[in-house]
C-alpha cells in the first residue's frame, strides 16, 4: 500500500526533473567541429524559455571567422552588425524553437572558438549564453581542426573564464535564466496529481 504512492512520487519527481532539463535548453551554434579554412553553413538553434517571446537573437562571431552570407529565416531578417550576426523582425513564442543559418569561413588557426549568444525578449529581458561549458549559461564552442593541435593554448578562444566584457554586452532586464510560469505551473500540477492519487489510494 505504501509502495504505490512512493512510486507515484518518484515518477512525479522524474517528470519534474525532465521539465527542468528542458527549461535549461539554450541557444546553440553547430557544427561543433570544422576544418581550418573551411566554408561551413552554421546553424543557430534558439528556444523560447519565458512567457514573453524572443524578438532578437544576437551571436558574436569569434575572431578569425568570416561571415559570408546570412539568409532570411521564416519572417526574420539576418544582418551582420560589427562582430555579430543579428536576427530580428520575428518572434519565438514560449515553448517553441527557431533555427537560423549563416555561412562562414573558419580561421586557418586550429583551436576552440566560443560563440557568445544573446536572446532579447519582448519584455526587455536578455538571456546571455557566454559562460564556460559547465556553467548554467554556456556559450557554444566550435573546435577548428584537431583540438590537440592548439599547442600551448595561447590561441584558445574558448569561454573558460566565464566572465564577459560587461561594457560590450547588451543591457539585461533580469537574471540570465528564470523558469517561465508555464514551467512552474506544470511542475506544480505534476506534484498535485501525485499527492492526490496517493491520498485516494490510502483512503
N, C-alpha and C. Protein backbone atom coordinates (compact mmCIF):
# COMPACT_ATOMS: atom_id res chain seq x y z
N UNK A 1 0.82 -1.21 0.00
CA UNK A 1 0.00 0.00 0.00
C UNK A 1 0.85 1.25 0.00
N UNK A 2 2.06 1.15 0.59
CA UNK A 2 2.92 2.32 0.66
C UNK A 2 3.74 2.46 -0.61
N UNK A 3 4.04 1.32 -1.25
CA UNK A 3 4.90 1.35 -2.42
C UNK A 3 4.27 2.12 -3.57
N UNK A 4 2.94 2.00 -3.75
CA UNK A 4 2.29 2.66 -4.88
C UNK A 4 2.40 4.19 -4.80
N UNK A 5 2.04 4.80 -3.65
CA UNK A 5 2.21 6.24 -3.54
C UNK A 5 3.66 6.66 -3.72
N UNK A 6 4.60 5.83 -3.19
CA UNK A 6 6.01 6.16 -3.33
C UNK A 6 6.42 6.15 -4.79
N UNK A 7 5.88 5.16 -5.55
CA UNK A 7 6.18 5.09 -6.97
C UNK A 7 5.68 6.33 -7.69
N UNK A 8 4.46 6.78 -7.32
CA UNK A 8 3.90 7.97 -7.94
C UNK A 8 4.76 9.18 -7.67
N UNK A 9 5.23 9.30 -6.44
CA UNK A 9 6.05 10.45 -6.09
C UNK A 9 7.38 10.43 -6.82
N UNK A 10 7.98 9.23 -6.94
CA UNK A 10 9.24 9.10 -7.67
C UNK A 10 9.04 9.45 -9.13
N UNK A 11 7.92 8.95 -9.73
CA UNK A 11 7.62 9.26 -11.13
C UNK A 11 7.43 10.75 -11.31
N UNK A 12 6.70 11.37 -10.37
CA UNK A 12 6.49 12.80 -10.44
C UNK A 12 7.80 13.55 -10.38
N UNK A 13 8.69 13.11 -9.50
CA UNK A 13 9.99 13.77 -9.38
C UNK A 13 10.77 13.65 -10.67
N UNK A 14 10.69 12.47 -11.32
CA UNK A 14 11.40 12.27 -12.58
C UNK A 14 10.89 13.19 -13.67
N UNK A 15 9.54 13.31 -13.74
CA UNK A 15 8.97 14.20 -14.73
C UNK A 15 9.32 15.64 -14.45
N UNK A 16 9.36 16.00 -13.17
CA UNK A 16 9.74 17.36 -12.80
C UNK A 16 11.16 17.65 -13.24
N UNK A 17 12.07 16.70 -13.02
CA UNK A 17 13.44 16.89 -13.46
C UNK A 17 13.52 17.00 -14.96
N UNK A 18 12.66 16.22 -15.67
CA UNK A 18 12.65 16.31 -17.13
C UNK A 18 12.24 17.69 -17.60
N UNK A 19 11.21 18.27 -16.95
CA UNK A 19 10.78 19.62 -17.30
C UNK A 19 11.88 20.62 -17.02
N UNK A 20 12.55 20.46 -15.89
CA UNK A 20 13.61 21.40 -15.55
C UNK A 20 14.74 21.32 -16.57
N UNK A 21 15.08 20.08 -17.01
CA UNK A 21 16.14 19.93 -18.00
C UNK A 21 15.75 20.59 -19.31
N UNK A 22 14.49 20.43 -19.72
CA UNK A 22 14.04 21.05 -20.95
C UNK A 22 14.10 22.56 -20.84
N UNK A 23 13.78 23.08 -19.65
CA UNK A 23 13.77 24.52 -19.47
C UNK A 23 15.17 25.11 -19.56
N UNK A 24 16.20 24.28 -19.28
CA UNK A 24 17.55 24.77 -19.30
C UNK A 24 18.18 24.71 -20.69
N UNK A 25 17.41 24.35 -21.71
CA UNK A 25 17.91 24.37 -23.07
C UNK A 25 18.36 25.79 -23.40
N UNK A 26 19.37 25.91 -24.25
CA UNK A 26 19.91 27.24 -24.53
C UNK A 26 20.25 27.39 -26.00
N UNK A 27 20.56 28.60 -26.39
CA UNK A 27 20.94 28.88 -27.78
C UNK A 27 22.26 28.18 -28.10
N UNK A 28 22.25 27.40 -29.16
CA UNK A 28 23.43 26.62 -29.53
C UNK A 28 23.81 26.88 -30.99
N UNK A 29 25.12 26.87 -31.25
CA UNK A 29 25.65 27.03 -32.60
C UNK A 29 26.32 25.72 -33.00
N UNK A 30 26.00 25.22 -34.18
CA UNK A 30 26.62 24.00 -34.67
C UNK A 30 27.07 24.23 -36.13
N UNK A 31 28.04 23.45 -36.65
CA UNK A 31 28.64 22.25 -36.06
C UNK A 31 29.67 22.60 -34.98
N UNK A 32 30.04 21.57 -34.21
CA UNK A 32 30.99 21.75 -33.13
C UNK A 32 32.43 21.60 -33.58
N UNK A 33 32.63 21.02 -34.78
CA UNK A 33 33.98 20.82 -35.30
C UNK A 33 34.02 21.17 -36.79
N UNK A 34 35.02 21.93 -37.20
CA UNK A 34 35.21 22.28 -38.61
C UNK A 34 36.69 22.20 -38.95
N UNK A 35 36.96 22.10 -40.23
CA UNK A 35 38.35 22.07 -40.69
C UNK A 35 38.88 23.49 -40.82
N UNK A 36 40.17 23.68 -40.61
CA UNK A 36 40.76 25.01 -40.75
C UNK A 36 40.54 25.55 -42.17
N UNK A 37 40.07 26.80 -42.26
CA UNK A 37 39.87 27.45 -43.54
C UNK A 37 38.65 27.00 -44.31
N UNK A 38 37.86 26.07 -43.75
CA UNK A 38 36.70 25.53 -44.47
C UNK A 38 35.53 26.51 -44.42
N UNK A 39 34.74 26.49 -45.49
CA UNK A 39 33.50 27.27 -45.53
C UNK A 39 32.36 26.36 -45.10
N UNK A 40 31.63 26.76 -44.06
CA UNK A 40 30.59 25.92 -43.48
C UNK A 40 29.28 26.71 -43.34
N UNK A 41 28.17 25.96 -43.36
CA UNK A 41 26.88 26.53 -43.00
C UNK A 41 26.65 26.25 -41.53
N UNK A 42 26.58 27.30 -40.73
CA UNK A 42 26.37 27.17 -39.29
C UNK A 42 24.89 27.34 -38.97
N UNK A 43 24.42 26.60 -37.98
CA UNK A 43 23.02 26.66 -37.56
C UNK A 43 22.94 27.15 -36.12
N UNK A 44 22.07 28.12 -35.89
CA UNK A 44 21.82 28.65 -34.55
C UNK A 44 20.44 28.19 -34.12
N UNK A 45 20.36 27.40 -33.06
CA UNK A 45 19.08 26.90 -32.54
C UNK A 45 18.73 27.66 -31.27
N UNK A 46 17.57 28.33 -31.27
CA UNK A 46 17.18 29.18 -30.14
C UNK A 46 15.81 28.79 -29.63
N UNK A 47 15.68 28.36 -28.36
CA UNK A 47 14.38 28.03 -27.77
C UNK A 47 13.81 29.21 -26.99
N UNK A 48 12.48 29.37 -27.03
CA UNK A 48 11.81 30.37 -26.22
C UNK A 48 11.56 29.81 -24.83
N UNK A 49 12.11 30.43 -23.79
CA UNK A 49 12.07 29.86 -22.44
C UNK A 49 11.22 30.67 -21.47
N UNK A 50 10.71 31.81 -21.90
CA UNK A 50 9.94 32.65 -21.00
C UNK A 50 8.55 32.88 -21.58
N UNK A 51 7.65 33.46 -20.77
CA UNK A 51 6.30 33.73 -21.25
C UNK A 51 6.31 34.72 -22.41
N UNK A 52 7.18 35.72 -22.33
CA UNK A 52 7.32 36.69 -23.42
C UNK A 52 8.09 36.05 -24.58
N UNK A 53 7.80 36.43 -25.82
CA UNK A 53 8.52 35.85 -26.96
C UNK A 53 9.91 36.49 -27.13
N UNK A 54 10.79 35.74 -27.76
CA UNK A 54 12.09 36.29 -28.16
C UNK A 54 11.89 37.12 -29.43
N UNK A 55 12.45 38.33 -29.45
CA UNK A 55 12.28 39.21 -30.61
C UNK A 55 13.61 39.54 -31.29
N UNK A 56 14.72 39.15 -30.68
CA UNK A 56 16.02 39.39 -31.31
C UNK A 56 17.02 38.36 -30.82
N UNK A 57 17.82 37.85 -31.74
CA UNK A 57 18.89 36.90 -31.41
C UNK A 57 20.20 37.48 -31.95
N UNK A 58 21.17 37.60 -31.06
CA UNK A 58 22.48 38.13 -31.46
C UNK A 58 23.56 37.11 -31.13
N UNK A 59 24.41 36.81 -32.11
CA UNK A 59 25.52 35.87 -31.90
C UNK A 59 26.82 36.58 -32.27
N UNK A 60 27.73 36.66 -31.31
CA UNK A 60 29.02 37.27 -31.58
C UNK A 60 29.92 36.27 -32.32
N UNK A 61 30.48 36.71 -33.43
CA UNK A 61 31.32 35.85 -34.26
C UNK A 61 32.74 35.86 -33.70
N UNK A 62 33.30 34.69 -33.40
CA UNK A 62 34.66 34.64 -32.86
C UNK A 62 35.67 35.24 -33.83
N UNK A 63 36.71 35.85 -33.27
CA UNK A 63 37.76 36.43 -34.09
C UNK A 63 38.39 35.36 -34.97
N UNK A 64 38.54 35.65 -36.26
CA UNK A 64 39.12 34.70 -37.20
C UNK A 64 38.09 34.10 -38.14
N UNK A 65 36.81 34.08 -37.73
CA UNK A 65 35.74 33.62 -38.61
C UNK A 65 35.27 34.77 -39.50
N UNK A 66 34.95 34.46 -40.74
CA UNK A 66 34.45 35.46 -41.69
C UNK A 66 33.05 35.05 -42.15
N UNK A 67 32.05 35.87 -41.83
CA UNK A 67 30.68 35.59 -42.25
C UNK A 67 30.51 35.98 -43.71
N UNK A 68 30.02 35.05 -44.53
CA UNK A 68 29.87 35.26 -45.96
C UNK A 68 28.43 35.54 -46.38
N UNK A 69 27.47 34.96 -45.68
CA UNK A 69 26.06 35.13 -46.08
C UNK A 69 25.16 34.85 -44.88
N UNK A 70 24.08 35.67 -44.77
CA UNK A 70 23.08 35.47 -43.72
C UNK A 70 21.70 35.51 -44.38
N UNK A 71 21.15 34.37 -44.78
CA UNK A 71 19.84 34.36 -45.44
C UNK A 71 18.72 34.62 -44.43
N UNK A 72 17.58 35.14 -44.89
CA UNK A 72 16.42 35.33 -44.00
C UNK A 72 15.86 33.99 -43.56
N UNK A 73 15.10 34.00 -42.46
CA UNK A 73 14.54 32.74 -41.93
C UNK A 73 13.14 32.98 -41.40
N UNK A 74 12.13 32.49 -42.11
CA UNK A 74 10.75 32.47 -41.62
C UNK A 74 10.30 33.80 -41.02
N UNK A 75 10.42 34.87 -41.78
CA UNK A 75 9.97 36.18 -41.30
C UNK A 75 11.02 36.95 -40.53
N UNK A 76 12.18 36.36 -40.31
CA UNK A 76 13.27 37.04 -39.62
C UNK A 76 14.26 37.59 -40.64
N UNK A 77 14.82 38.74 -40.33
CA UNK A 77 15.87 39.31 -41.17
C UNK A 77 17.20 39.16 -40.46
N UNK A 78 18.20 38.65 -41.17
CA UNK A 78 19.52 38.48 -40.58
C UNK A 78 20.52 39.45 -41.18
N UNK A 79 21.28 40.12 -40.34
CA UNK A 79 22.29 41.08 -40.81
C UNK A 79 23.56 40.92 -39.99
N UNK A 80 24.65 41.42 -40.52
CA UNK A 80 25.92 41.47 -39.80
C UNK A 80 26.09 42.87 -39.23
N UNK A 81 26.24 42.96 -37.92
CA UNK A 81 26.44 44.23 -37.25
C UNK A 81 27.75 44.17 -36.47
N UNK A 82 28.77 44.82 -37.01
CA UNK A 82 30.08 44.76 -36.36
C UNK A 82 30.61 43.34 -36.33
N UNK A 83 30.86 42.81 -35.12
CA UNK A 83 31.38 41.45 -35.00
C UNK A 83 30.28 40.45 -34.67
N UNK A 84 29.01 40.81 -34.94
CA UNK A 84 27.88 39.94 -34.58
C UNK A 84 26.96 39.70 -35.76
N UNK A 85 26.25 38.56 -35.69
CA UNK A 85 25.14 38.30 -36.60
C UNK A 85 23.87 38.49 -35.80
N UNK A 86 22.93 39.29 -36.33
CA UNK A 86 21.72 39.64 -35.58
C UNK A 86 20.50 39.29 -36.42
N UNK A 87 19.54 38.59 -35.77
CA UNK A 87 18.25 38.29 -36.41
C UNK A 87 17.15 39.04 -35.66
N UNK A 88 16.26 39.68 -36.41
CA UNK A 88 15.16 40.42 -35.79
C UNK A 88 13.98 40.42 -36.75
N UNK A 89 12.84 40.94 -36.26
CA UNK A 89 11.66 41.04 -37.11
C UNK A 89 10.65 39.94 -36.92
N UNK A 90 11.01 38.88 -36.18
CA UNK A 90 10.09 37.77 -35.93
C UNK A 90 9.89 37.58 -34.44
N UNK A 91 9.26 36.49 -34.08
CA UNK A 91 9.03 36.15 -32.68
C UNK A 91 9.19 34.65 -32.47
N UNK A 92 9.80 34.27 -31.34
CA UNK A 92 9.87 32.87 -30.93
C UNK A 92 9.02 32.74 -29.67
N UNK A 93 7.83 32.13 -29.77
CA UNK A 93 6.94 32.02 -28.60
C UNK A 93 7.52 31.08 -27.55
N UNK A 94 6.99 31.17 -26.35
CA UNK A 94 7.39 30.29 -25.26
C UNK A 94 7.13 28.83 -25.63
N UNK A 95 8.10 27.98 -25.38
CA UNK A 95 7.96 26.56 -25.66
C UNK A 95 8.24 26.18 -27.11
N UNK A 96 8.56 27.16 -27.95
CA UNK A 96 8.89 26.88 -29.36
C UNK A 96 10.37 27.19 -29.60
N UNK A 97 10.89 26.69 -30.71
CA UNK A 97 12.29 26.94 -31.05
C UNK A 97 12.39 27.41 -32.49
N UNK A 98 13.44 28.13 -32.79
CA UNK A 98 13.68 28.66 -34.14
C UNK A 98 15.12 28.36 -34.51
N UNK A 99 15.32 27.98 -35.78
CA UNK A 99 16.68 27.77 -36.27
C UNK A 99 17.03 28.85 -37.29
N UNK A 100 18.24 29.37 -37.18
CA UNK A 100 18.78 30.34 -38.12
C UNK A 100 20.04 29.75 -38.73
N UNK A 101 20.38 30.19 -39.93
CA UNK A 101 21.57 29.68 -40.59
C UNK A 101 22.40 30.84 -41.14
N UNK A 102 23.68 30.63 -41.19
CA UNK A 102 24.57 31.59 -41.85
C UNK A 102 25.79 30.83 -42.36
N UNK A 103 26.41 31.40 -43.37
CA UNK A 103 27.60 30.78 -43.96
C UNK A 103 28.83 31.55 -43.52
N UNK A 104 29.86 30.83 -43.11
CA UNK A 104 31.08 31.49 -42.64
C UNK A 104 32.30 30.65 -42.98
N UNK A 105 33.43 31.34 -43.10
CA UNK A 105 34.71 30.66 -43.34
C UNK A 105 35.47 30.59 -42.02
N UNK A 106 35.93 29.39 -41.69
CA UNK A 106 36.67 29.18 -40.44
C UNK A 106 38.09 29.72 -40.56
N UNK A 107 38.69 30.09 -39.45
CA UNK A 107 40.09 30.54 -39.48
C UNK A 107 41.03 29.39 -39.81
N UNK A 108 42.23 29.73 -40.25
CA UNK A 108 43.23 28.71 -40.54
C UNK A 108 43.86 28.17 -39.26
N UNK A 109 43.79 28.95 -38.20
CA UNK A 109 44.46 28.58 -36.97
C UNK A 109 43.60 27.63 -36.13
N UNK A 110 44.09 26.42 -35.84
CA UNK A 110 43.32 25.48 -35.00
C UNK A 110 43.11 26.02 -33.59
N UNK A 111 42.05 25.54 -32.97
CA UNK A 111 41.78 25.94 -31.60
C UNK A 111 40.29 25.86 -31.30
N UNK A 112 39.90 26.30 -30.13
CA UNK A 112 38.50 26.32 -29.72
C UNK A 112 37.99 27.76 -29.73
N UNK A 113 36.85 27.97 -30.39
CA UNK A 113 36.30 29.31 -30.58
C UNK A 113 34.88 29.36 -30.01
N UNK A 114 34.61 30.34 -29.16
CA UNK A 114 33.32 30.45 -28.50
C UNK A 114 32.40 31.43 -29.22
N UNK A 115 31.14 31.04 -29.34
CA UNK A 115 30.10 31.89 -29.92
C UNK A 115 29.24 32.42 -28.76
N UNK A 116 29.39 33.67 -28.40
CA UNK A 116 28.58 34.24 -27.33
C UNK A 116 27.24 34.68 -27.91
N UNK A 117 26.15 34.23 -27.28
CA UNK A 117 24.80 34.50 -27.82
C UNK A 117 23.96 35.26 -26.81
N UNK A 118 23.04 36.10 -27.34
CA UNK A 118 22.17 36.93 -26.52
C UNK A 118 20.75 36.87 -27.09
N UNK A 119 19.80 36.43 -26.29
CA UNK A 119 18.40 36.36 -26.71
C UNK A 119 17.63 37.49 -26.02
N UNK A 120 17.09 38.39 -26.82
CA UNK A 120 16.34 39.50 -26.24
C UNK A 120 14.84 39.21 -26.34
N UNK A 121 14.14 39.32 -25.21
CA UNK A 121 12.71 39.06 -25.15
C UNK A 121 11.91 40.36 -25.26
N UNK A 122 10.63 40.21 -25.59
CA UNK A 122 9.76 41.36 -25.78
C UNK A 122 9.59 42.18 -24.51
N UNK A 123 9.81 41.54 -23.34
CA UNK A 123 9.66 42.26 -22.08
C UNK A 123 10.95 42.95 -21.64
N UNK A 124 11.98 42.90 -22.50
CA UNK A 124 13.23 43.57 -22.20
C UNK A 124 14.31 42.68 -21.60
N UNK A 125 13.94 41.48 -21.16
CA UNK A 125 14.92 40.57 -20.58
C UNK A 125 15.89 40.07 -21.67
N UNK A 126 17.15 39.90 -21.30
CA UNK A 126 18.16 39.35 -22.21
C UNK A 126 18.80 38.13 -21.56
N UNK A 127 18.67 36.98 -22.20
CA UNK A 127 19.38 35.77 -21.75
C UNK A 127 20.74 35.76 -22.43
N UNK A 128 21.80 35.63 -21.64
CA UNK A 128 23.16 35.70 -22.16
C UNK A 128 23.83 34.34 -22.03
N UNK A 129 24.24 33.78 -23.15
CA UNK A 129 24.91 32.48 -23.17
C UNK A 129 26.38 32.74 -23.48
N UNK A 130 27.14 33.00 -22.41
CA UNK A 130 28.51 33.48 -22.58
C UNK A 130 29.52 32.77 -21.68
N UNK A 131 29.05 31.80 -20.89
CA UNK A 131 29.92 31.17 -19.90
C UNK A 131 30.63 29.92 -20.41
N UNK A 132 31.41 29.28 -19.53
CA UNK A 132 32.10 28.04 -19.90
C UNK A 132 31.12 26.89 -20.06
N UNK A 133 31.56 25.78 -20.67
CA UNK A 133 30.65 24.66 -20.97
C UNK A 133 29.91 24.09 -19.77
N UNK A 134 30.50 24.11 -18.57
CA UNK A 134 29.87 23.51 -17.41
C UNK A 134 29.05 24.50 -16.59
N UNK A 135 28.82 25.70 -17.14
CA UNK A 135 28.05 26.71 -16.42
C UNK A 135 26.57 26.59 -16.75
N UNK A 136 25.74 27.40 -16.08
CA UNK A 136 24.31 27.41 -16.35
C UNK A 136 23.97 28.23 -17.60
N UNK A 137 24.94 28.96 -18.11
CA UNK A 137 24.70 29.78 -19.30
C UNK A 137 25.87 29.63 -20.27
N UNK A 138 26.08 28.40 -20.78
CA UNK A 138 27.27 28.13 -21.59
C UNK A 138 27.20 28.75 -22.99
N UNK A 139 28.35 29.20 -23.45
CA UNK A 139 28.49 29.61 -24.85
C UNK A 139 28.81 28.37 -25.68
N UNK A 140 28.32 28.33 -26.91
CA UNK A 140 28.66 27.23 -27.80
C UNK A 140 30.12 27.37 -28.22
N UNK A 141 30.79 26.23 -28.39
CA UNK A 141 32.20 26.23 -28.76
C UNK A 141 32.39 25.38 -30.02
N UNK A 142 33.09 25.94 -31.00
CA UNK A 142 33.44 25.21 -32.21
C UNK A 142 34.94 24.97 -32.22
N UNK A 143 35.32 23.71 -32.42
CA UNK A 143 36.74 23.36 -32.50
C UNK A 143 37.17 23.40 -33.96
N UNK A 144 38.19 24.17 -34.25
CA UNK A 144 38.74 24.24 -35.60
C UNK A 144 39.93 23.29 -35.65
N UNK A 145 39.83 22.26 -36.50
CA UNK A 145 40.88 21.27 -36.61
C UNK A 145 40.91 20.37 -35.40
N UNK A 146 42.05 19.73 -35.19
CA UNK A 146 42.24 18.82 -34.06
C UNK A 146 42.43 19.65 -32.80
N UNK A 147 41.60 19.41 -31.77
CA UNK A 147 41.70 20.20 -30.54
C UNK A 147 43.06 20.04 -29.88
N UNK A 148 43.72 18.91 -30.16
CA UNK A 148 45.03 18.69 -29.56
C UNK A 148 46.11 19.51 -30.23
N UNK A 149 45.78 20.14 -31.37
CA UNK A 149 46.80 20.88 -32.12
C UNK A 149 46.87 22.33 -31.71
N UNK A 150 46.20 22.67 -30.61
CA UNK A 150 46.18 24.05 -30.16
C UNK A 150 47.49 24.49 -29.54
N UNK A 151 48.51 23.60 -29.49
CA UNK A 151 49.81 23.97 -28.97
C UNK A 151 49.75 24.26 -27.49
N UNK A 152 50.33 25.40 -27.10
CA UNK A 152 50.40 25.72 -25.68
C UNK A 152 49.14 26.39 -25.17
N UNK A 153 48.12 26.48 -26.01
CA UNK A 153 46.85 27.05 -25.58
C UNK A 153 46.79 28.56 -25.74
N UNK A 154 47.88 29.18 -26.27
CA UNK A 154 47.89 30.64 -26.40
C UNK A 154 46.88 31.14 -27.41
N UNK A 155 46.37 30.25 -28.26
CA UNK A 155 45.39 30.65 -29.27
C UNK A 155 44.03 30.02 -29.00
N UNK A 156 43.78 29.66 -27.76
CA UNK A 156 42.50 29.07 -27.39
C UNK A 156 41.48 30.18 -27.19
N UNK A 157 40.35 30.10 -27.92
CA UNK A 157 39.34 31.16 -27.89
C UNK A 157 38.09 30.70 -27.17
N UNK A 158 38.22 29.80 -26.18
CA UNK A 158 37.02 29.32 -25.53
C UNK A 158 36.55 30.30 -24.46
N UNK A 159 35.43 29.91 -23.79
CA UNK A 159 34.83 30.81 -22.80
C UNK A 159 35.16 30.34 -21.39
N UNK A 160 36.36 29.80 -21.18
CA UNK A 160 36.68 29.19 -19.89
C UNK A 160 36.60 30.18 -18.74
N UNK A 161 36.88 31.44 -19.01
CA UNK A 161 36.86 32.41 -17.91
C UNK A 161 35.45 32.64 -17.41
N UNK A 162 34.44 32.51 -18.28
CA UNK A 162 33.05 32.71 -17.90
C UNK A 162 32.71 34.17 -17.70
N UNK A 163 33.68 35.05 -17.66
CA UNK A 163 33.42 36.47 -17.43
C UNK A 163 33.53 37.21 -18.75
N UNK A 164 32.49 37.96 -19.09
CA UNK A 164 32.48 38.71 -20.34
C UNK A 164 32.82 40.16 -20.07
N UNK A 165 33.21 40.86 -21.12
CA UNK A 165 33.44 42.29 -21.03
C UNK A 165 32.09 42.97 -20.88
N UNK A 166 31.77 43.40 -19.67
CA UNK A 166 30.44 43.93 -19.39
C UNK A 166 30.12 45.12 -20.27
N UNK A 167 31.14 45.88 -20.67
CA UNK A 167 30.87 47.05 -21.47
C UNK A 167 30.37 46.72 -22.85
N UNK A 168 30.63 45.48 -23.32
CA UNK A 168 30.24 45.12 -24.68
C UNK A 168 28.93 44.36 -24.74
N UNK A 169 28.32 44.09 -23.56
CA UNK A 169 27.11 43.28 -23.54
C UNK A 169 25.88 44.17 -23.65
N UNK A 170 24.79 43.62 -24.27
CA UNK A 170 23.53 44.36 -24.28
C UNK A 170 23.02 44.50 -22.85
N UNK A 171 22.18 45.51 -22.62
CA UNK A 171 21.58 45.69 -21.31
C UNK A 171 20.67 44.51 -21.01
N UNK A 172 20.67 44.06 -19.78
CA UNK A 172 19.82 42.92 -19.41
C UNK A 172 18.75 43.37 -18.44
N UNK A 173 17.56 42.79 -18.59
CA UNK A 173 16.45 43.17 -17.74
C UNK A 173 16.25 42.22 -16.58
N UNK A 174 17.18 41.31 -16.31
CA UNK A 174 16.99 40.37 -15.22
C UNK A 174 18.09 39.34 -15.20
N UNK A 175 17.95 38.28 -14.41
CA UNK A 175 18.97 37.24 -14.34
C UNK A 175 19.07 36.51 -15.65
N UNK A 176 20.16 35.73 -15.78
CA UNK A 176 20.38 35.05 -17.04
C UNK A 176 19.28 34.06 -17.37
N UNK A 177 18.73 33.42 -16.33
CA UNK A 177 17.65 32.47 -16.60
C UNK A 177 16.72 32.39 -15.40
N UNK A 178 15.44 32.35 -15.67
CA UNK A 178 14.45 32.06 -14.63
C UNK A 178 13.31 31.32 -15.30
N UNK A 179 12.81 30.22 -14.70
CA UNK A 179 11.75 29.43 -15.35
C UNK A 179 10.50 30.26 -15.57
N UNK A 180 9.88 30.08 -16.74
CA UNK A 180 8.64 30.79 -17.04
C UNK A 180 7.48 30.22 -16.24
N UNK A 181 6.36 30.94 -16.17
CA UNK A 181 5.21 30.47 -15.39
C UNK A 181 4.65 29.16 -15.88
N UNK A 182 4.74 28.89 -17.18
CA UNK A 182 4.22 27.64 -17.71
C UNK A 182 4.99 26.45 -17.14
N UNK A 183 6.31 26.59 -17.00
CA UNK A 183 7.12 25.51 -16.44
C UNK A 183 6.76 25.29 -14.99
N UNK A 184 6.62 26.40 -14.22
CA UNK A 184 6.28 26.28 -12.80
C UNK A 184 4.90 25.67 -12.60
N UNK A 185 3.93 26.08 -13.44
CA UNK A 185 2.59 25.51 -13.33
C UNK A 185 2.59 24.02 -13.64
N UNK A 186 3.40 23.61 -14.64
CA UNK A 186 3.48 22.19 -14.99
C UNK A 186 4.06 21.37 -13.86
N UNK A 187 5.09 21.89 -13.21
CA UNK A 187 5.69 21.19 -12.08
C UNK A 187 4.69 21.06 -10.94
N UNK A 188 3.98 22.17 -10.64
CA UNK A 188 3.01 22.16 -9.56
C UNK A 188 1.89 21.17 -9.84
N UNK A 189 1.43 21.10 -11.10
CA UNK A 189 0.36 20.18 -11.46
C UNK A 189 0.78 18.73 -11.29
N UNK A 190 2.02 18.41 -11.66
CA UNK A 190 2.51 17.05 -11.51
C UNK A 190 2.58 16.64 -10.04
N UNK A 191 3.08 17.53 -9.19
CA UNK A 191 3.17 17.21 -7.76
C UNK A 191 1.78 17.07 -7.16
N UNK A 192 0.84 17.96 -7.54
CA UNK A 192 -0.52 17.88 -7.01
C UNK A 192 -1.20 16.58 -7.42
N UNK A 193 -0.99 16.16 -8.68
CA UNK A 193 -1.60 14.93 -9.16
C UNK A 193 -1.06 13.72 -8.41
N UNK A 194 0.24 13.72 -8.15
CA UNK A 194 0.84 12.59 -7.42
C UNK A 194 0.30 12.52 -6.00
N UNK A 195 0.20 13.66 -5.33
CA UNK A 195 -0.32 13.68 -3.96
C UNK A 195 -1.78 13.27 -3.90
N UNK A 196 -2.56 13.72 -4.87
CA UNK A 196 -3.99 13.38 -4.91
C UNK A 196 -4.18 11.89 -5.09
N UNK A 197 -3.40 11.30 -5.99
CA UNK A 197 -3.50 9.86 -6.22
C UNK A 197 -3.10 9.08 -4.99
N UNK A 198 -2.11 9.57 -4.27
CA UNK A 198 -1.66 8.92 -3.06
C UNK A 198 -2.75 8.92 -2.00
N UNK A 199 -3.42 10.07 -1.82
CA UNK A 199 -4.46 10.18 -0.81
C UNK A 199 -5.66 9.30 -1.13
N UNK A 200 -6.04 9.23 -2.39
CA UNK A 200 -7.20 8.40 -2.77
C UNK A 200 -6.92 6.93 -2.49
N UNK A 201 -5.72 6.47 -2.76
CA UNK A 201 -5.41 5.06 -2.56
C UNK A 201 -5.33 4.72 -1.07
N UNK A 202 -4.86 5.63 -0.25
CA UNK A 202 -4.79 5.39 1.18
C UNK A 202 -6.17 5.40 1.82
N UNK A 203 -7.10 6.21 1.23
CA UNK A 203 -8.46 6.24 1.75
C UNK A 203 -9.16 4.92 1.44
